[in-house]
Amino acid sequence: MIYLDNSATTPLAPEAIERMNRWRSMNFANASSAHRGGQNARVVLEESRDRLASALGAEPKEIIITSGGTEANNHALKGYALNYFATRKTWPAIITARTEHHAILHPAEFLARMGATIIHLDVDDEGRVAPETLRNALARANADAPLVTIMHANNETGVINPIPELATVAHAAGGIFHTDAVQTFGKLPIDVAAAGVDMLSISAHKIHGPKGIGALYVNRAMELEPLMHGGAQERNRRGGTEAVELAVGFEEATTLALQGLEENGARMRELGGLLRALLTQIGGIRFVTPERDAMPNIVNVTFADAGHLDGEGLIVGMDLLGVAVSNGSACTSGSIQPSHVLSAMGLPAEQAKAAVRFSLSRYTTEQEIRAGADALRRVVERMREAMPRAEGIAPLRGLKR
């Protein structure tokens, strides 16, 4: 398989596999145990925490190890809201963008049912939140210590939000700022102090680490209500036996990502540019991902004649040709629904349904890029030949299948 769906997950780095296997063969003890094996496990766990903290410019005690980005996001929103309610006997206002991941939108919906005020921000036609939009929303909310949560980069389009500017606006209104950095950690430089964030979520499996582990940075001045009760782990912030082997894999993946940050970024920009050039040869293609201020490893496209193309068929057709990509749609009761992200950007429903997202990793090759672009061309041409009058775009004949 040619794997071009790295924003969904990434293959485990061989170095991370080796580190985890070596640790498993050496020690299986519980890091909360008082005996020697447990204390050795505790040392390794804290070394991994130190590495994550260093990667973010944070202090180790500001890192809560979680089961992944989804739990980190849930802990940020629910932990803040529950602590707010416990101390003030009222629910906070939460301000977020319409284009957020469901790991933000669904916890916000849950808190709305509890009584929290949820304000959804509009985005521009590239999917970006403008500081002025946030400023106006904060003025309308007129809330005490609202929580603002806006993702660093969008998982479907790759567009990057101006996090330092947005955090400044939030703080000027007395707010708290959280960002979901799952798609950017290990791919872009991140410093929590420079970004001005109070909380930040990351995940291992987006950077060639293991699934099942992530982390939440929480500024040392903040307090959150735990979501997981039943133990004193993570400084009483998350009960449960720590997965030391996963933490070791996360640490190794983080080290590898940061060591090659500039080189990998430049390489993915080069491959992304090649992909754009090759996809441009497909008639009627429209690039959803902007060329500037976007992640170098994501290219999202749709089509002018999208109403005559089968969105699910595009993905399945490429899979049959041995290329794994995705779209921003969710399958509900057997039908493809338009991406909420692309719909919020103003794309028509048919274009949102027919979007195709390519996402690269440091292991992606030029040959895979060429094969992926060719596969999409072949699938689109076959669909258009079945409907040759689609939007005035003529079918391309005479090509080898």
Protein backbone atom coordinates (compact mmCIF):
# COMPACT_ATOMS: atom_id res chain seq x y z
CA MET A 1 0.00 0.00 0.00
CA ILE A 2 1.08 3.57 -0.74
CA TYR A 3 0.13 5.28 2.50
CA LEU A 4 -0.76 8.96 2.14
CA ASP A 5 -3.08 9.30 5.15
CA ASN A 6 -0.55 10.33 7.79
CA SER A 7 -2.81 12.94 9.38
CA ALA A 8 -5.00 10.06 10.51
CA THR A 9 -2.07 8.14 11.97
CA THR A 10 1.55 7.35 11.16
CA PRO A 11 3.54 4.12 11.02
CA LEU A 12 5.60 3.40 14.11
CA ALA A 13 9.22 4.47 13.81
CA PRO A 14 11.54 1.44 13.98
CA GLU A 15 13.53 3.21 16.70
CA ALA A 16 10.37 3.61 18.80
CA ILE A 17 9.51 -0.08 18.36
CA GLU A 18 13.02 -1.08 19.42
CA ARG A 19 12.94 1.17 22.52
CA MET A 20 9.53 -0.12 23.62
CA ASN A 21 10.46 -3.78 23.07
CA ARG A 22 13.73 -3.33 24.94
CA TRP A 23 11.93 -1.73 27.88
CA ARG A 24 9.29 -4.49 27.98
CA SER A 25 12.01 -7.12 28.09
CA MET A 26 13.74 -5.34 30.97
CA ASN A 27 10.94 -4.28 33.29
CA PHE A 28 7.19 -4.78 33.53
CA ALA A 29 6.76 -3.26 37.00
CA ASN A 30 4.10 -0.74 38.01
CA ALA A 31 5.64 2.73 38.21
CA SER A 32 3.66 3.39 41.41
CA SER A 33 5.17 0.40 43.25
CA ALA A 34 7.69 1.02 46.03
CA HIS A 35 10.05 -1.84 45.18
CA ARG A 36 13.12 -1.51 42.99
CA GLY A 37 11.39 -2.54 39.77
CA GLY A 38 8.63 0.01 40.34
CA GLN A 39 11.08 2.78 41.14
CA ASN A 40 13.10 1.99 38.01
CA ALA A 41 9.90 2.25 36.00
CA ARG A 42 9.14 5.58 37.70
CA VAL A 43 12.55 6.94 36.67
CA VAL A 44 11.97 5.98 33.04
CA LEU A 45 8.46 7.47 33.08
CA GLU A 46 9.74 10.77 34.46
CA GLU A 47 12.55 10.87 31.91
CA SER A 48 9.92 10.58 29.18
CA ARG A 49 7.89 13.36 30.80
CA ASP A 50 11.02 15.53 30.95
CA ARG A 51 11.55 15.03 27.20
CA LEU A 52 7.99 16.03 26.37
CA ALA A 53 8.22 19.08 28.60
CA SER A 54 11.51 20.14 27.02
CA ALA A 55 10.01 19.78 23.55
CA LEU A 56 7.27 22.27 24.52
CA GLY A 57 9.39 24.67 26.57
CA ALA A 58 7.43 23.62 29.65
CA GLU A 59 8.19 22.24 33.11
CA PRO A 60 7.81 18.49 33.68
CA LYS A 61 5.16 19.06 36.36
CA GLU A 62 3.05 20.87 33.75
CA ILE A 63 2.71 17.70 31.64
CA ILE A 64 -0.22 15.32 32.22
CA ILE A 65 0.25 12.07 30.32
CA THR A 66 -3.04 10.93 28.77
CA SER A 67 -4.30 8.17 26.48
CA GLY A 68 -4.09 10.48 23.45
CA GLY A 69 -5.16 13.79 21.97
CA THR A 70 -8.87 13.14 22.44
CA GLU A 71 -8.49 12.61 26.17
CA ALA A 72 -6.18 15.63 26.42
CA ASN A 73 -8.80 17.82 24.75
CA ASN A 74 -11.58 16.42 26.93
CA HIS A 75 -9.50 17.00 30.05
CA ALA A 76 -8.78 20.60 29.02
CA LEU A 77 -12.43 21.50 28.44
CA LYS A 78 -14.21 19.39 31.03
CA GLY A 79 -11.49 19.74 33.65
CA TYR A 80 -11.61 23.52 33.36
CA ALA A 81 -15.41 23.69 33.31
CA LEU A 82 -15.84 21.35 36.30
CA ASN A 83 -13.27 23.24 38.36
CA TYR A 84 -14.93 26.52 37.36
CA PHE A 85 -18.33 25.23 38.46
CA ALA A 86 -16.96 23.86 41.74
CA THR A 87 -15.48 27.22 42.71
CA ARG A 88 -18.10 29.61 41.26
CA LYS A 89 -21.30 27.57 41.19
CA THR A 90 -21.89 28.51 37.58
CA TRP A 91 -20.66 27.19 34.25
CA PRO A 92 -18.10 29.05 32.11
CA ALA A 93 -18.37 30.35 28.58
CA ILE A 94 -16.42 28.31 26.02
CA ILE A 95 -15.45 29.86 22.72
CA THR A 96 -14.27 27.69 19.85
CA ALA A 97 -14.20 27.56 16.05
CA ARG A 98 -16.70 25.76 13.85
CA THR A 99 -13.78 23.95 12.18
CA GLU A 100 -12.42 22.26 15.31
CA HIS A 101 -11.90 18.53 15.58
CA HIS A 102 -14.80 16.61 17.07
CA ALA A 103 -12.58 15.94 20.08
CA ILE A 104 -13.25 19.61 20.91
CA LEU A 105 -16.75 20.09 19.50
CA HIS A 106 -18.30 17.07 21.19
CA PRO A 107 -16.98 17.85 24.71
CA ALA A 108 -18.24 21.41 24.18
CA GLU A 109 -21.68 20.04 23.25
CA PHE A 110 -21.64 17.91 26.40
CA LEU A 111 -20.80 20.94 28.54
CA ALA A 112 -23.55 22.93 26.84
CA ARG A 113 -26.01 20.30 28.11
CA MET A 114 -24.62 20.88 31.60
CA GLY A 115 -25.25 24.61 31.31
CA ALA A 116 -22.08 26.08 29.79
CA THR A 117 -22.41 28.81 27.18
CA ILE A 118 -20.81 27.74 23.88
CA ILE A 119 -19.91 30.30 21.22
CA HIS A 120 -18.81 29.06 17.78
CA LEU A 121 -16.53 31.32 15.76
CA ASP A 122 -16.81 31.69 12.01
CA VAL A 123 -13.68 31.27 9.89
CA ASP A 124 -12.50 32.91 6.69
CA ASP A 125 -12.61 31.16 3.30
CA GLU A 126 -9.26 29.48 4.06
CA GLY A 127 -10.56 28.16 7.38
CA ARG A 128 -8.61 30.51 9.63
CA VAL A 129 -9.84 32.29 12.77
CA ALA A 130 -9.12 36.03 12.70
CA PRO A 131 -8.11 37.72 15.99
CA GLU A 132 -10.78 40.37 15.39
CA THR A 133 -13.44 37.65 15.15
CA LEU A 134 -12.38 36.33 18.54
CA ARG A 135 -12.23 39.82 20.03
CA ASN A 136 -15.80 40.55 18.93
CA ALA A 137 -17.04 37.23 20.31
CA LEU A 138 -15.40 37.87 23.68
CA ALA A 139 -17.00 41.30 23.84
CA ARG A 140 -20.42 39.83 23.09
CA ALA A 141 -19.96 37.04 25.62
CA ASN A 142 -19.05 39.47 28.40
CA ALA A 143 -18.07 36.42 30.48
CA ASP A 144 -15.76 35.99 33.43
CA ALA A 145 -12.66 33.91 32.61
CA PRO A 146 -14.00 32.29 29.42
CA LEU A 147 -12.15 29.33 27.93
CA VAL A 148 -11.03 29.85 24.34
CA THR A 149 -9.97 26.71 22.45
CA ILE A 150 -8.70 27.01 18.87
CA MET A 151 -6.61 24.38 17.12
CA HIS A 152 -3.06 25.13 16.01
CA ALA A 153 -3.55 23.58 12.56
CA ASN A 154 -6.60 21.97 11.05
CA ASN A 155 -6.45 18.21 10.57
CA GLU A 156 -8.42 18.30 7.29
CA THR A 157 -6.97 21.33 5.51
CA GLY A 158 -3.66 21.94 7.28
CA VAL A 159 -4.39 25.66 7.68
CA ILE A 160 -2.47 27.22 10.59
CA ASN A 161 -4.19 29.57 13.02
CA PRO A 162 -2.34 32.62 14.45
CA ILE A 163 -2.18 31.15 17.95
CA PRO A 164 0.01 33.82 19.68
CA GLU A 165 -2.27 36.62 18.45
CA LEU A 166 -5.42 34.73 19.42
CA ALA A 167 -4.04 33.91 22.87
CA THR A 168 -3.20 37.58 23.41
CA VAL A 169 -6.78 38.56 22.55
CA ALA A 170 -8.16 35.92 24.93
CA HIS A 171 -5.94 37.00 27.80
CA ALA A 172 -6.81 40.68 27.28
CA ALA A 173 -10.43 39.71 27.96
CA GLY A 174 -9.48 37.74 31.08
CA GLY A 175 -9.78 34.40 29.31
CA ILE A 176 -7.89 31.11 29.33
CA PHE A 177 -6.47 29.78 26.06
CA HIS A 178 -6.15 26.15 24.96
CA THR A 179 -4.94 24.83 21.62
CA ASP A 180 -5.15 21.39 20.05
CA ALA A 181 -1.63 20.94 18.63
CA VAL A 182 -2.01 17.28 17.71
CA GLN A 183 -1.32 17.95 14.02
CA THR A 184 1.62 20.33 14.58
CA PHE A 185 3.62 18.82 17.42
CA GLY A 186 6.84 17.37 16.04
CA LYS A 187 6.30 19.12 12.69
CA LEU A 188 6.42 22.80 13.66
CA PRO A 189 8.42 24.48 16.44
CA ILE A 190 6.22 24.88 19.53
CA ASP A 191 7.03 26.86 22.65
CA VAL A 192 4.16 27.29 25.08
CA ALA A 193 5.52 30.54 26.50
CA ALA A 194 6.07 32.11 23.08
CA ALA A 195 2.64 30.92 21.94
CA GLY A 196 1.04 32.31 25.08
CA VAL A 197 -1.14 29.25 25.66
CA ASP A 198 -2.40 28.04 29.03
CA MET A 199 -3.12 24.49 27.86
CA LEU A 200 -2.01 22.46 24.82
CA SER A 201 -2.82 18.94 23.61
CA ILE A 202 -0.45 16.55 21.78
CA SER A 203 -0.46 12.91 20.68
CA ALA A 204 2.19 10.29 19.93
CA HIS A 205 0.71 8.42 16.99
CA LYS A 206 0.81 11.47 14.69
CA ILE A 207 4.64 11.53 14.88
CA HIS A 208 5.46 7.83 14.41
CA GLY A 209 4.92 7.01 18.06
CA PRO A 210 2.54 4.45 19.59
CA LYS A 211 -1.23 4.77 19.72
CA GLY A 212 -2.82 5.10 23.13
CA ILE A 213 -0.70 7.90 24.59
CA GLY A 214 -0.72 11.68 24.43
CA ALA A 215 -0.23 14.58 26.79
CA LEU A 216 -1.82 17.78 28.01
CA TYR A 217 0.30 20.78 28.94
CA VAL A 218 -1.33 22.74 31.77
CA ASN A 219 0.23 25.96 33.03
CA ARG A 220 1.40 25.43 36.60
CA ALA A 221 -0.87 28.26 37.81
CA MET A 222 -4.00 26.44 36.65
CA GLU A 223 -6.09 23.78 38.33
CA LEU A 224 -8.30 21.26 36.52
CA GLU A 225 -10.75 18.75 37.89
CA PRO A 226 -9.51 15.22 37.08
CA LEU A 227 -11.56 13.17 34.65
CA MET A 228 -10.09 9.87 35.85
CA HIS A 229 -10.49 9.21 39.58
CA GLY A 230 -9.17 6.25 41.49
CA GLY A 231 -5.47 6.86 41.99
CA ALA A 232 -2.84 9.46 42.80
CA GLN A 233 -0.99 9.15 39.50
CA GLU A 234 -0.03 12.21 37.48
CA ARG A 235 0.09 14.31 40.67
CA ASN A 236 -3.52 13.42 41.47
CA ARG A 237 -4.64 14.71 38.07
CA ARG A 238 -5.29 11.38 36.31
CA GLY A 239 -5.83 8.11 38.09
CA GLY A 240 -4.69 4.86 36.51
CA THR A 241 -1.58 2.75 36.07
CA GLU A 242 0.89 4.50 33.80
CA ALA A 243 1.83 2.85 30.49
CA VAL A 244 5.59 3.19 30.78
CA GLU A 245 6.37 1.38 27.52
CA LEU A 246 4.10 3.77 25.61
CA ALA A 247 5.77 6.73 27.30
CA VAL A 248 9.13 5.39 26.19
CA GLY A 249 7.86 5.16 22.61
CA PHE A 250 6.45 8.68 22.80
CA GLU A 251 9.78 9.97 24.09
CA GLU A 252 11.70 8.28 21.26
CA ALA A 253 9.28 9.52 18.60
CA THR A 254 9.52 13.06 19.98
CA THR A 255 13.32 12.99 19.96
CA LEU A 256 13.39 11.75 16.36
CA ALA A 257 10.85 14.33 15.22
CA LEU A 258 12.69 17.25 16.80
CA GLN A 259 16.09 16.10 15.57
CA GLY A 260 14.83 16.22 11.98
CA LEU A 261 12.35 19.08 12.36
CA GLU A 262 13.84 21.47 9.79
CA GLU A 263 15.02 18.79 7.38
CA ASN A 264 11.72 16.91 7.43
CA GLY A 265 9.75 20.12 7.09
CA ALA A 266 11.74 21.20 4.05
CA ARG A 267 11.40 17.77 2.47
CA MET A 268 7.64 17.65 3.00
CA ARG A 269 7.29 21.15 1.55
CA GLU A 270 9.19 19.96 -1.52
CA LEU A 271 7.07 16.83 -1.88
CA GLY A 272 3.90 18.82 -1.23
CA GLY A 273 4.89 21.22 -4.00
CA LEU A 274 5.45 18.32 -6.38
CA LEU A 275 2.05 16.87 -5.43
CA ARG A 276 0.35 20.20 -6.15
CA ALA A 277 2.05 20.44 -9.54
CA LEU A 278 0.97 16.92 -10.48
CA LEU A 279 -2.61 17.38 -9.27
CA THR A 280 -2.93 20.63 -11.22
CA GLN A 281 -2.92 18.50 -14.37
CA ILE A 282 -6.35 17.11 -13.37
CA GLY A 283 -8.96 19.32 -14.97
CA GLY A 284 -11.32 21.17 -12.65
CA ILE A 285 -9.32 20.53 -9.51
CA ARG A 286 -9.56 23.02 -6.65
CA PHE A 287 -7.04 23.24 -3.84
CA VAL A 288 -8.64 23.61 -0.43
CA THR A 289 -5.32 23.82 1.42
CA PRO A 290 -3.73 27.26 0.88
CA GLU A 291 -0.12 27.44 -0.24
CA ARG A 292 0.84 29.81 2.60
CA ASP A 293 0.39 29.47 6.36
CA ALA A 294 -0.53 25.80 6.13
CA MET A 295 1.09 22.54 7.20
CA PRO A 296 3.64 21.31 4.65
CA ASN A 297 2.42 17.72 4.82
CA ILE A 298 -1.30 18.24 4.02
CA VAL A 299 -2.84 18.85 0.59
CA ASN A 300 -6.65 18.82 0.45
CA VAL A 301 -8.41 19.11 -2.92
CA THR A 302 -11.90 19.07 -4.37
CA PHE A 303 -13.38 19.53 -7.85
CA ALA A 304 -15.38 22.06 -9.83
CA ASP A 305 -17.68 19.25 -11.03
CA ALA A 306 -17.90 17.65 -7.59
CA GLY A 307 -21.65 17.21 -7.95
CA HIS A 308 -20.98 14.58 -10.61
CA LEU A 309 -18.31 12.75 -8.61
CA ASP A 310 -18.84 10.15 -5.91
CA GLY A 311 -16.93 11.29 -2.82
CA GLU A 312 -16.81 7.84 -1.27
CA GLY A 313 -15.98 6.36 -4.66
CA LEU A 314 -12.91 8.59 -4.94
CA ILE A 315 -11.45 7.18 -1.73
CA VAL A 316 -12.46 3.58 -2.47
CA GLY A 317 -11.23 3.86 -6.06
CA MET A 318 -7.80 5.01 -4.91
CA ASP A 319 -7.72 2.25 -2.32
CA LEU A 320 -8.37 -0.29 -5.07
CA LEU A 321 -5.35 1.15 -6.88
CA GLY A 322 -3.26 0.66 -3.73
CA VAL A 323 -3.23 4.25 -2.45
CA ALA A 324 -4.56 5.16 1.01
CA VAL A 325 -5.95 8.70 1.35
CA SER A 326 -8.99 10.12 3.13
CA ASN A 327 -11.59 12.82 2.93
CA GLY A 328 -13.06 15.04 5.59
CA SER A 329 -16.41 13.32 5.55
CA ALA A 330 -17.95 11.11 8.18
CA CYS A 331 -19.92 8.01 7.25
CA THR A 332 -23.32 8.11 8.89
CA SER A 333 -25.85 5.35 8.28
CA GLY A 334 -24.09 4.39 5.07
CA SER A 335 -24.15 7.89 3.57
CA ILE A 336 -21.31 10.36 3.19
CA GLN A 337 -21.99 13.65 4.93
CA PRO A 338 -20.23 16.90 3.96
CA SER A 339 -17.18 17.77 6.07
CA HIS A 340 -18.16 20.23 8.79
CA VAL A 341 -14.78 21.91 8.30
CA LEU A 342 -15.20 22.53 4.58
CA SER A 343 -18.84 23.53 5.04
CA ALA A 344 -17.79 26.13 7.63
CA MET A 345 -15.32 27.49 5.07
CA GLY A 346 -18.20 28.11 2.67
CA LEU A 347 -17.66 25.22 0.24
CA PRO A 348 -20.83 23.85 -1.37
CA ALA A 349 -22.01 20.52 0.01
CA GLU A 350 -21.05 18.61 -3.14
CA GLN A 351 -17.48 19.94 -3.02
CA ALA A 352 -17.20 19.17 0.68
CA LYS A 353 -18.33 15.59 -0.01
CA ALA A 354 -15.82 15.10 -2.84
CA ALA A 355 -12.76 16.39 -0.98
CA VAL A 356 -9.62 14.25 -0.96
CA ARG A 357 -6.91 14.77 1.65
CA PHE A 358 -3.33 13.71 0.99
CA SER A 359 -1.12 13.78 4.09
CA LEU A 360 2.59 12.97 4.06
CA SER A 361 5.19 11.89 6.58
CA ARG A 362 8.96 11.85 6.73
CA TYR A 363 8.87 8.37 5.23
CA THR A 364 6.91 9.45 2.12
CA THR A 365 8.87 9.13 -1.14
CA GLU A 366 8.72 10.98 -4.44
CA GLN A 367 7.65 7.78 -6.16
CA GLU A 368 4.68 7.50 -3.79
CA ILE A 369 3.68 11.10 -4.49
CA ARG A 370 3.72 10.48 -8.24
CA ALA A 371 1.76 7.24 -7.87
CA GLY A 372 -0.79 8.91 -5.59
CA ALA A 373 -1.40 11.80 -7.98
CA ASP A 374 -1.70 9.39 -10.90
CA ALA A 375 -4.19 7.23 -9.00
CA LEU A 376 -6.46 10.21 -8.33
CA ARG A 377 -6.26 11.25 -11.99
CA ARG A 378 -7.27 7.76 -13.11
CA VAL A 379 -10.19 7.54 -10.67
CA VAL A 380 -11.52 10.99 -11.58
CA GLU A 381 -11.24 10.30 -15.31
CA ARG A 382 -13.16 7.04 -14.98
CA MET A 383 -15.94 8.81 -13.13
CA ARG A 384 -16.07 11.60 -15.70
CA GLU A 385 -16.16 9.15 -18.58
CA ALA A 386 -19.25 7.65 -16.97
CA MET A 387 -20.78 11.16 -16.99
CA PRO A 388 -19.07 12.94 -19.92
CA ARG A 389 -21.21 16.07 -19.74
CA ALA A 390 -20.36 16.91 -16.15
CA GLU A 391 -20.06 20.68 -15.75
CA GLY A 392 -18.62 21.06 -19.22
CA ILE A 393 -15.41 19.18 -18.32
CA ALA A 394 -14.59 16.87 -21.17
CA PRO A 395 -13.52 13.30 -20.45
CA LEU A 396 -9.85 12.51 -21.06
CA ARG A 397 -9.57 9.49 -23.32
CA GLY A 398 -6.76 7.37 -24.68
CA LEU A 399 -4.96 6.94 -21.35
CA LYS A 400 -3.76 3.54 -20.28
CA ARG A 401 -5.63 1.92 -17.44
